[in-house]
Amino acid sequence: MKLGDFSKLAKDYVNRTGYSLRVLKALTSYVGASRNGFVVADVGAGTGKLTENLAEIKLAGFAVEPNDSMRMEGIRLFENNSAFEWRKGTAEETGLIESSVDWVLMASSFHWTNAELALKEFYRILTPGGFFTALWNPRDLENNPLHKQIESKIHEIVPTLERKSSGSSKYTKHIDMTLVSTGHFKDIIFMEAPHEVVMTKERYIGAWRSVNDIQTQAGEEKFSEILQMIEDEIADMVNIVVPYKTRAWTVQSQKGV
């Protein structure tokens, strides 16, 4: 497995959590998504964790995913939901028609892109005055001893570990400047809200199995050790309450504005 290659993780992605509906509903109001014919594009959709949230709040459009395994799993999971059309594409080359989308979103995936090329592509496919949102869903560790302890023990097992993706990481420290750096977008706003997800032990372990950056850096043996450590930590629990914090940065296209 390579860093950023999610081919072997598709089946475990179902165990991941979605995003704060409070944040998404507030953004829906901000971008004017209630009007008829409004089109959204979930780019880097994976198996559709954000896509599912968007469908839940009655939005429709495209789910764009480059990885065949992830996209096919998403198509399978959405076989009874026609709100979103699944497409093969990347953030840099979505394959969508120019000026065909009103709101582009990337959930826990913008950090994998070439930001300059992705922003140029989003500008191309957005309608005049359309919006782009980059959002992440990091665990909210500060006030949760269990999850802080697990994270600490992971770093004890792999001292050199550098997490690639987290909405609370150093990566997002300058995200506001990145989003307006190309001149295609303006008027950045930031929204954040906590939410909790109650997981069974099986789902919780499954969510950890879907984490690409730890697996690729730890290697198979160390990653197995990490999973065993987590299983030991939650052995006496029936369910695990996992705190998250959805963090979203939104900018408006300069096209036609």
C-alpha atoms as a PDB file:
ATOM      1  CA  MET A   1       0.000   0.000   0.000  1.00  0.00           C
ATOM      2  CA  LYS A   2       1.234   3.490  -0.895  1.00  0.00           C
ATOM      3  CA  LEU A   3       0.569   6.805   0.806  1.00  0.00           C
ATOM      4  CA  GLY A   4      -2.618   8.093  -0.768  1.00  0.00           C
ATOM      5  CA  ASP A   5      -3.589   4.777  -2.376  1.00  0.00           C
ATOM      6  CA  PHE A   6      -6.980   3.769  -0.979  1.00  0.00           C
ATOM      7  CA  SER A   7      -7.627   0.752  -3.210  1.00  0.00           C
ATOM      8  CA  LYS A   8      -7.378  -1.764  -0.363  1.00  0.00           C
ATOM      9  CA  LEU A   9      -9.364   0.362   2.092  1.00  0.00           C
ATOM     10  CA  ALA A  10     -12.687   0.709   0.249  1.00  0.00           C
ATOM     11  CA  LYS A  11     -14.545  -1.984   2.188  1.00  0.00           C
ATOM     12  CA  ASP A  12     -13.508  -0.452   5.525  1.00  0.00           C
ATOM     13  CA  TYR A  13     -14.567   3.086   4.589  1.00  0.00           C
ATOM     14  CA  VAL A  14     -18.173   2.258   5.439  1.00  0.00           C
ATOM     15  CA  ASN A  15     -17.060   2.339   9.088  1.00  0.00           C
ATOM     16  CA  ARG A  16     -16.025   5.977   8.906  1.00  0.00           C
ATOM     17  CA  THR A  17     -18.289   8.727  10.128  1.00  0.00           C
ATOM     18  CA  GLY A  18     -19.988  11.487   8.182  1.00  0.00           C
ATOM     19  CA  TYR A  19     -19.789  15.218   8.812  1.00  0.00           C
ATOM     20  CA  SER A  20     -21.630  17.664  11.058  1.00  0.00           C
ATOM     21  CA  LEU A  21     -25.088  18.286   9.626  1.00  0.00           C
ATOM     22  CA  ARG A  22     -25.168  21.580  11.534  1.00  0.00           C
ATOM     23  CA  VAL A  23     -22.197  22.830   9.550  1.00  0.00           C
ATOM     24  CA  LEU A  24     -23.539  21.498   6.258  1.00  0.00           C
ATOM     25  CA  LYS A  25     -27.003  23.001   6.786  1.00  0.00           C
ATOM     26  CA  ALA A  26     -25.498  26.367   7.706  1.00  0.00           C
ATOM     27  CA  LEU A  27     -23.335  26.259   4.585  1.00  0.00           C
ATOM     28  CA  THR A  28     -26.331  25.227   2.497  1.00  0.00           C
ATOM     29  CA  SER A  29     -28.028  28.438   3.556  1.00  0.00           C
ATOM     30  CA  TYR A  30     -24.895  30.503   2.925  1.00  0.00           C
ATOM     31  CA  VAL A  31     -24.352  29.230  -0.638  1.00  0.00           C
ATOM     32  CA  GLY A  32     -28.044  29.434  -1.549  1.00  0.00           C
ATOM     33  CA  ALA A  33     -28.481  25.733  -2.167  1.00  0.00           C
ATOM     34  CA  SER A  34     -32.247  25.781  -1.680  1.00  0.00           C
ATOM     35  CA  ARG A  35     -32.984  27.127  -5.142  1.00  0.00           C
ATOM     36  CA  ASN A  36     -34.226  24.813  -7.853  1.00  0.00           C
ATOM     37  CA  GLY A  37     -31.625  23.198 -10.055  1.00  0.00           C
ATOM     38  CA  PHE A  38     -28.752  23.756  -7.626  1.00  0.00           C
ATOM     39  CA  VAL A  39     -25.917  21.303  -8.402  1.00  0.00           C
ATOM     40  CA  VAL A  40     -23.207  20.141  -5.995  1.00  0.00           C
ATOM     41  CA  ALA A  41     -20.073  18.112  -6.669  1.00  0.00           C
ATOM     42  CA  ASP A  42     -18.423  15.993  -3.986  1.00  0.00           C
ATOM     43  CA  VAL A  43     -14.884  15.701  -5.356  1.00  0.00           C
ATOM     44  CA  GLY A  44     -12.637  13.032  -3.886  1.00  0.00           C
ATOM     45  CA  ALA A  45     -15.853  11.407  -2.737  1.00  0.00           C
ATOM     46  CA  GLY A  46     -14.308   8.113  -1.695  1.00  0.00           C
ATOM     47  CA  THR A  47     -17.161   5.729  -0.951  1.00  0.00           C
ATOM     48  CA  GLY A  48     -19.551   8.598  -0.298  1.00  0.00           C
ATOM     49  CA  LYS A  49     -19.401   9.599   3.377  1.00  0.00           C
ATOM     50  CA  LEU A  50     -20.015  13.281   2.581  1.00  0.00           C
ATOM     51  CA  THR A  51     -22.184  12.371  -0.418  1.00  0.00           C
ATOM     52  CA  GLU A  52     -24.529  10.577   1.973  1.00  0.00           C
ATOM     53  CA  ASN A  53     -24.775  13.692   4.160  1.00  0.00           C
ATOM     54  CA  LEU A  54     -25.487  15.889   1.140  1.00  0.00           C
ATOM     55  CA  ALA A  55     -28.229  13.543  -0.051  1.00  0.00           C
ATOM     56  CA  GLU A  56     -29.657  13.552   3.485  1.00  0.00           C
ATOM     57  CA  ILE A  57     -30.138  17.315   3.308  1.00  0.00           C
ATOM     58  CA  LYS A  58     -31.812  16.982  -0.115  1.00  0.00           C
ATOM     59  CA  LEU A  59     -28.944  18.066  -2.376  1.00  0.00           C
ATOM     60  CA  ALA A  60     -28.029  16.433  -5.674  1.00  0.00           C
ATOM     61  CA  GLY A  61     -25.266  16.413  -8.242  1.00  0.00           C
ATOM     62  CA  PHE A  62     -22.019  14.510  -8.807  1.00  0.00           C
ATOM     63  CA  ALA A  63     -19.719  12.295  -6.757  1.00  0.00           C
ATOM     64  CA  VAL A  64     -16.259  12.376  -8.344  1.00  0.00           C
ATOM     65  CA  GLU A  65     -13.670   9.800  -7.261  1.00  0.00           C
ATOM     66  CA  PRO A  66     -10.421   8.737  -8.986  1.00  0.00           C
ATOM     67  CA  ASN A  67      -9.898   5.400  -7.232  1.00  0.00           C
ATOM     68  CA  ASP A  68     -11.798   2.589  -8.961  1.00  0.00           C
ATOM     69  CA  SER A  69     -12.241   0.457  -5.831  1.00  0.00           C
ATOM     70  CA  MET A  70     -13.545   3.373  -3.763  1.00  0.00           C
ATOM     71  CA  ARG A  71     -15.844   4.592  -6.524  1.00  0.00           C
ATOM     72  CA  MET A  72     -17.301   1.139  -7.201  1.00  0.00           C
ATOM     73  CA  GLU A  73     -17.968   0.675  -3.498  1.00  0.00           C
ATOM     74  CA  GLY A  74     -19.697   4.054  -3.467  1.00  0.00           C
ATOM     75  CA  ILE A  75     -21.824   3.090  -6.468  1.00  0.00           C
ATOM     76  CA  ARG A  76     -22.768  -0.141  -4.693  1.00  0.00           C
ATOM     77  CA  LEU A  77     -23.708   1.677  -1.489  1.00  0.00           C
ATOM     78  CA  PHE A  78     -25.770   4.245  -3.440  1.00  0.00           C
ATOM     79  CA  GLU A  79     -27.504   1.793  -5.770  1.00  0.00           C
ATOM     80  CA  ASN A  80     -30.917   2.866  -4.422  1.00  0.00           C
ATOM     81  CA  ASN A  81     -30.113   6.575  -4.357  1.00  0.00           C
ATOM     82  CA  SER A  82     -30.194   8.456  -7.652  1.00  0.00           C
ATOM     83  CA  ALA A  83     -29.474  11.936  -6.243  1.00  0.00           C
ATOM     84  CA  PHE A  84     -25.804  11.693  -7.208  1.00  0.00           C
ATOM     85  CA  GLU A  85     -24.180  10.600 -10.436  1.00  0.00           C
ATOM     86  CA  TRP A  86     -20.826   8.899  -9.874  1.00  0.00           C
ATOM     87  CA  ARG A  87     -17.957   9.957 -12.125  1.00  0.00           C
ATOM     88  CA  LYS A  88     -14.298   9.012 -12.436  1.00  0.00           C
ATOM     89  CA  GLY A  89     -12.093  12.069 -12.061  1.00  0.00           C
ATOM     90  CA  THR A  90      -9.628  13.946  -9.906  1.00  0.00           C
ATOM     91  CA  ALA A  91      -9.653  17.354  -8.280  1.00  0.00           C
ATOM     92  CA  GLU A  92      -7.271  18.530 -10.974  1.00  0.00           C
ATOM     93  CA  GLU A  93      -9.343  16.986 -13.796  1.00  0.00           C
ATOM     94  CA  THR A  94     -12.914  16.344 -12.694  1.00  0.00           C
ATOM     95  CA  GLY A  95     -14.258  15.644 -16.170  1.00  0.00           C
ATOM     96  CA  LEU A  96     -17.272  17.848 -15.417  1.00  0.00           C
ATOM     97  CA  ILE A  97     -18.576  20.442 -17.872  1.00  0.00           C
ATOM     98  CA  GLU A  98     -17.490  24.063 -17.566  1.00  0.00           C
ATOM     99  CA  SER A  99     -19.811  26.221 -15.406  1.00  0.00           C
ATOM    100  CA  SER A 100     -21.999  23.213 -14.550  1.00  0.00           C
ATOM    101  CA  VAL A 101     -21.714  23.108 -10.744  1.00  0.00           C
ATOM    102  CA  ASP A 102     -22.879  25.601  -8.118  1.00  0.00           C
ATOM    103  CA  TRP A 103     -20.978  24.213  -5.121  1.00  0.00           C
ATOM    104  CA  VAL A 104     -17.855  22.030  -5.033  1.00  0.00           C
ATOM    105  CA  LEU A 105     -16.845  20.274  -1.826  1.00  0.00           C
ATOM    106  CA  MET A 106     -13.835  18.183  -0.853  1.00  0.00           C
ATOM    107  CA  ALA A 107     -14.157  16.268   2.415  1.00  0.00           C
ATOM    108  CA  SER A 108     -10.914  15.166   4.117  1.00  0.00           C
ATOM    109  CA  SER A 109      -9.224  15.081   0.726  1.00  0.00           C
ATOM    110  CA  PHE A 110      -8.048  18.546  -0.386  1.00  0.00           C
ATOM    111  CA  HIS A 111      -4.656  17.832   1.211  1.00  0.00           C
ATOM    112  CA  TRP A 112      -4.037  15.130  -1.418  1.00  0.00           C
ATOM    113  CA  THR A 113      -4.378  17.572  -4.325  1.00  0.00           C
ATOM    114  CA  ASN A 114      -2.124  19.879  -6.242  1.00  0.00           C
ATOM    115  CA  ALA A 115      -3.903  22.883  -4.761  1.00  0.00           C
ATOM    116  CA  GLU A 116      -3.084  25.286  -7.583  1.00  0.00           C
ATOM    117  CA  LEU A 117      -4.396  22.955 -10.287  1.00  0.00           C
ATOM    118  CA  ALA A 118      -7.424  21.897  -8.230  1.00  0.00           C
ATOM    119  CA  LEU A 119      -8.513  25.482  -7.567  1.00  0.00           C
ATOM    120  CA  LYS A 120      -8.139  26.291 -11.266  1.00  0.00           C
ATOM    121  CA  GLU A 121     -10.311  23.280 -12.127  1.00  0.00           C
ATOM    122  CA  PHE A 122     -12.976  24.174  -9.572  1.00  0.00           C
ATOM    123  CA  TYR A 123     -13.094  27.711 -10.967  1.00  0.00           C
ATOM    124  CA  ARG A 124     -13.647  26.208 -14.430  1.00  0.00           C
ATOM    125  CA  ILE A 125     -16.545  23.943 -13.454  1.00  0.00           C
ATOM    126  CA  LEU A 126     -18.266  26.388 -11.091  1.00  0.00           C
ATOM    127  CA  THR A 127     -21.060  28.670 -12.222  1.00  0.00           C
ATOM    128  CA  PRO A 128     -20.461  32.423 -11.818  1.00  0.00           C
ATOM    129  CA  GLY A 129     -20.317  33.217  -8.114  1.00  0.00           C
ATOM    130  CA  GLY A 130     -20.246  29.525  -7.175  1.00  0.00           C
ATOM    131  CA  PHE A 131     -18.583  28.200  -4.045  1.00  0.00           C
ATOM    132  CA  PHE A 132     -15.865  25.777  -2.986  1.00  0.00           C
ATOM    133  CA  THR A 133     -15.680  24.216   0.488  1.00  0.00           C
ATOM    134  CA  ALA A 134     -12.752  22.241   1.889  1.00  0.00           C
ATOM    135  CA  LEU A 135     -13.697  20.427   5.073  1.00  0.00           C
ATOM    136  CA  TRP A 136     -12.201  17.935   7.465  1.00  0.00           C
ATOM    137  CA  ASN A 137     -13.524  15.847  10.332  1.00  0.00           C
ATOM    138  CA  PRO A 138     -10.723  15.379  12.901  1.00  0.00           C
ATOM    139  CA  ARG A 139     -11.336  13.621  16.161  1.00  0.00           C
ATOM    140  CA  ASP A 140     -11.735  16.104  19.011  1.00  0.00           C
ATOM    141  CA  LEU A 141      -9.114  14.696  21.377  1.00  0.00           C
ATOM    142  CA  GLU A 142      -8.624  17.534  23.846  1.00  0.00           C
ATOM    143  CA  ASN A 143     -11.210  16.520  26.418  1.00  0.00           C
ATOM    144  CA  ASN A 144     -11.320  12.771  25.798  1.00  0.00           C
ATOM    145  CA  PRO A 145      -8.774  10.700  27.775  1.00  0.00           C
ATOM    146  CA  LEU A 146      -9.457   7.451  25.882  1.00  0.00           C
ATOM    147  CA  HIS A 147      -8.749   8.836  22.439  1.00  0.00           C
ATOM    148  CA  LYS A 148      -5.808  10.933  23.611  1.00  0.00           C
ATOM    149  CA  GLN A 149      -4.295   7.805  25.146  1.00  0.00           C
ATOM    150  CA  ILE A 150      -4.789   5.771  21.981  1.00  0.00           C
ATOM    151  CA  GLU A 151      -3.167   8.480  19.884  1.00  0.00           C
ATOM    152  CA  SER A 152      -0.263   8.702  22.334  1.00  0.00           C
ATOM    153  CA  LYS A 153       0.303   4.944  22.225  1.00  0.00           C
ATOM    154  CA  ILE A 154       0.243   4.968  18.429  1.00  0.00           C
ATOM    155  CA  HIS A 155       3.126   7.424  18.468  1.00  0.00           C
ATOM    156  CA  GLU A 156       4.950   5.238  20.991  1.00  0.00           C
ATOM    157  CA  ILE A 157       4.697   2.324  18.547  1.00  0.00           C
ATOM    158  CA  VAL A 158       5.690   4.482  15.566  1.00  0.00           C
ATOM    159  CA  PRO A 159       7.695   7.446  16.939  1.00  0.00           C
ATOM    160  CA  THR A 160       8.404   8.845  13.482  1.00  0.00           C
ATOM    161  CA  LEU A 161       4.730   8.923  12.458  1.00  0.00           C
ATOM    162  CA  GLU A 162       3.596  12.086  10.709  1.00  0.00           C
ATOM    163  CA  ARG A 163      -0.138  12.272  10.185  1.00  0.00           C
ATOM    164  CA  LYS A 164      -0.972  13.356   6.658  1.00  0.00           C
ATOM    165  CA  SER A 165      -4.579  14.392   7.117  1.00  0.00           C
ATOM    166  CA  SER A 166      -6.334  16.209   9.904  1.00  0.00           C
ATOM    167  CA  GLY A 167      -8.488  19.301   9.984  1.00  0.00           C
ATOM    168  CA  SER A 168      -6.710  20.333  13.166  1.00  0.00           C
ATOM    169  CA  SER A 169      -3.182  19.663  11.868  1.00  0.00           C
ATOM    170  CA  LYS A 170      -0.474  22.037  10.764  1.00  0.00           C
ATOM    171  CA  TYR A 171      -1.743  21.456   7.215  1.00  0.00           C
ATOM    172  CA  THR A 172      -4.779  23.701   7.739  1.00  0.00           C
ATOM    173  CA  LYS A 173      -2.787  26.421   9.491  1.00  0.00           C
ATOM    174  CA  HIS A 174      -2.473  28.368   6.233  1.00  0.00           C
ATOM    175  CA  ILE A 175      -5.435  26.912   4.347  1.00  0.00           C
ATOM    176  CA  ASP A 176      -7.143  30.305   4.176  1.00  0.00           C
ATOM    177  CA  MET A 177      -4.192  31.731   2.251  1.00  0.00           C
ATOM    178  CA  THR A 178      -4.004  28.654   0.008  1.00  0.00           C
ATOM    179  CA  LEU A 179      -7.650  28.909  -1.019  1.00  0.00           C
ATOM    180  CA  VAL A 180      -7.292  32.482  -2.289  1.00  0.00           C
ATOM    181  CA  SER A 181      -3.698  32.157  -3.524  1.00  0.00           C
ATOM    182  CA  THR A 182      -4.538  31.626  -7.204  1.00  0.00           C
ATOM    183  CA  GLY A 183      -6.836  34.625  -7.524  1.00  0.00           C
ATOM    184  CA  HIS A 184      -9.782  32.454  -8.571  1.00  0.00           C
ATOM    185  CA  PHE A 185     -11.579  32.717  -5.210  1.00  0.00           C
ATOM    186  CA  LYS A 186     -12.371  35.318  -2.551  1.00  0.00           C
ATOM    187  CA  ASP A 187     -14.333  35.986   0.651  1.00  0.00           C
ATOM    188  CA  ILE A 188     -13.273  33.043   2.798  1.00  0.00           C
ATOM    189  CA  ILE A 189     -15.457  32.017   5.719  1.00  0.00           C
ATOM    190  CA  PHE A 190     -14.801  29.347   8.352  1.00  0.00           C
ATOM    191  CA  MET A 191     -17.318  27.191  10.211  1.00  0.00           C
ATOM    192  CA  GLU A 192     -16.717  24.606  12.922  1.00  0.00           C
ATOM    193  CA  ALA A 193     -18.956  22.419  15.060  1.00  0.00           C
ATOM    194  CA  PRO A 194     -18.444  19.376  17.301  1.00  0.00           C
ATOM    195  CA  HIS A 195     -20.432  16.176  16.922  1.00  0.00           C
ATOM    196  CA  GLU A 196     -20.275  12.695  18.405  1.00  0.00           C
ATOM    197  CA  VAL A 197     -20.687   9.271  16.874  1.00  0.00           C
ATOM    198  CA  VAL A 198     -21.449   6.137  18.886  1.00  0.00           C
ATOM    199  CA  MET A 199     -19.701   3.120  17.377  1.00  0.00           C
ATOM    200  CA  THR A 200     -19.668  -0.576  18.067  1.00  0.00           C
ATOM    201  CA  LYS A 201     -16.242  -2.037  18.751  1.00  0.00           C
ATOM    202  CA  GLU A 202     -16.299  -3.682  15.331  1.00  0.00           C
ATOM    203  CA  ARG A 203     -17.041  -0.415  13.538  1.00  0.00           C
ATOM    204  CA  TYR A 204     -14.440   1.452  15.586  1.00  0.00           C
ATOM    205  CA  ILE A 205     -11.695  -1.013  14.661  1.00  0.00           C
ATOM    206  CA  GLY A 206     -12.938  -0.978  11.070  1.00  0.00           C
ATOM    207  CA  ALA A 207     -12.576   2.807  10.983  1.00  0.00           C
ATOM    208  CA  TRP A 208      -8.964   2.469  12.106  1.00  0.00           C
ATOM    209  CA  ARG A 209      -8.365  -0.127   9.385  1.00  0.00           C
ATOM    210  CA  SER A 210      -9.339   2.523   6.827  1.00  0.00           C
ATOM    211  CA  VAL A 211      -6.568   4.955   7.866  1.00  0.00           C
ATOM    212  CA  ASN A 212      -4.078   5.144   5.015  1.00  0.00           C
ATOM    213  CA  ASP A 213      -1.327   7.329   6.425  1.00  0.00           C
ATOM    214  CA  ILE A 214      -0.732   5.221   9.547  1.00  0.00           C
ATOM    215  CA  GLN A 215      -0.661   1.935   7.639  1.00  0.00           C
ATOM    216  CA  THR A 216       1.805   3.129   5.037  1.00  0.00           C
ATOM    217  CA  GLN A 217       4.195   4.599   7.583  1.00  0.00           C
ATOM    218  CA  ALA A 218       3.874   1.888  10.229  1.00  0.00           C
ATOM    219  CA  GLY A 219       4.136  -1.128   7.954  1.00  0.00           C
ATOM    220  CA  GLU A 220       2.083  -4.298   8.273  1.00  0.00           C
ATOM    221  CA  GLU A 221       3.640  -5.608  11.494  1.00  0.00           C
ATOM    222  CA  LYS A 222       3.499  -2.333  13.414  1.00  0.00           C
ATOM    223  CA  PHE A 223      -0.004  -1.581  12.153  1.00  0.00           C
ATOM    224  CA  SER A 224      -1.185  -4.968  13.454  1.00  0.00           C
ATOM    225  CA  GLU A 225       0.381  -4.033  16.791  1.00  0.00           C
ATOM    226  CA  ILE A 226      -1.520  -0.740  16.742  1.00  0.00           C
ATOM    227  CA  LEU A 227      -4.833  -2.465  16.035  1.00  0.00           C
ATOM    228  CA  GLN A 228      -4.209  -4.942  18.847  1.00  0.00           C
ATOM    229  CA  MET A 229      -3.405  -2.077  21.220  1.00  0.00           C
ATOM    230  CA  ILE A 230      -6.671  -0.352  20.317  1.00  0.00           C
ATOM    231  CA  GLU A 231      -8.635  -3.574  20.782  1.00  0.00           C
ATOM    232  CA  ASP A 232      -7.082  -3.949  24.248  1.00  0.00           C
ATOM    233  CA  GLU A 233      -7.995  -0.363  25.142  1.00  0.00           C
ATOM    234  CA  ILE A 234     -11.672  -0.850  24.273  1.00  0.00           C
ATOM    235  CA  ALA A 235     -11.995  -4.495  25.368  1.00  0.00           C
ATOM    236  CA  ASP A 236     -14.367  -3.742  28.262  1.00  0.00           C
ATOM    237  CA  MET A 237     -16.603  -1.377  26.311  1.00  0.00           C
ATOM    238  CA  VAL A 238     -19.836  -2.163  24.513  1.00  0.00           C
ATOM    239  CA  ASN A 239     -19.872   1.029  22.447  1.00  0.00           C
ATOM    240  CA  ILE A 240     -17.314   3.760  21.898  1.00  0.00           C
ATOM    241  CA  VAL A 241     -18.308   7.425  21.799  1.00  0.00           C
ATOM    242  CA  VAL A 242     -16.040   9.156  19.316  1.00  0.00           C
ATOM    243  CA  PRO A 243     -15.915  12.978  19.403  1.00  0.00           C
ATOM    244  CA  TYR A 244     -15.373  14.786  16.122  1.00  0.00           C
ATOM    245  CA  LYS A 245     -15.114  18.401  15.043  1.00  0.00           C
ATOM    246  CA  THR A 246     -16.132  19.270  11.489  1.00  0.00           C
ATOM    247  CA  ARG A 247     -14.076  22.220  10.248  1.00  0.00           C
ATOM    248  CA  ALA A 248     -14.992  23.857   6.930  1.00  0.00           C
ATOM    249  CA  TRP A 249     -13.417  26.634   4.860  1.00  0.00           C
ATOM    250  CA  THR A 250     -15.558  28.135   2.072  1.00  0.00           C
ATOM    251  CA  VAL A 251     -14.615  30.544  -0.705  1.00  0.00           C
ATOM    252  CA  GLN A 252     -16.569  32.126  -3.556  1.00  0.00           C
ATOM    253  CA  SER A 253     -15.544  32.018  -7.189  1.00  0.00           C
ATOM    254  CA  GLN A 254     -14.466  35.309  -8.745  1.00  0.00           C
ATOM    255  CA  LYS A 255     -16.106  34.221 -11.998  1.00  0.00           C
ATOM    256  CA  GLY A 256     -18.776  36.746 -12.954  1.00  0.00           C
ATOM    257  CA  VAL A 257     -18.552  38.546  -9.597  1.00  0.00           C
END
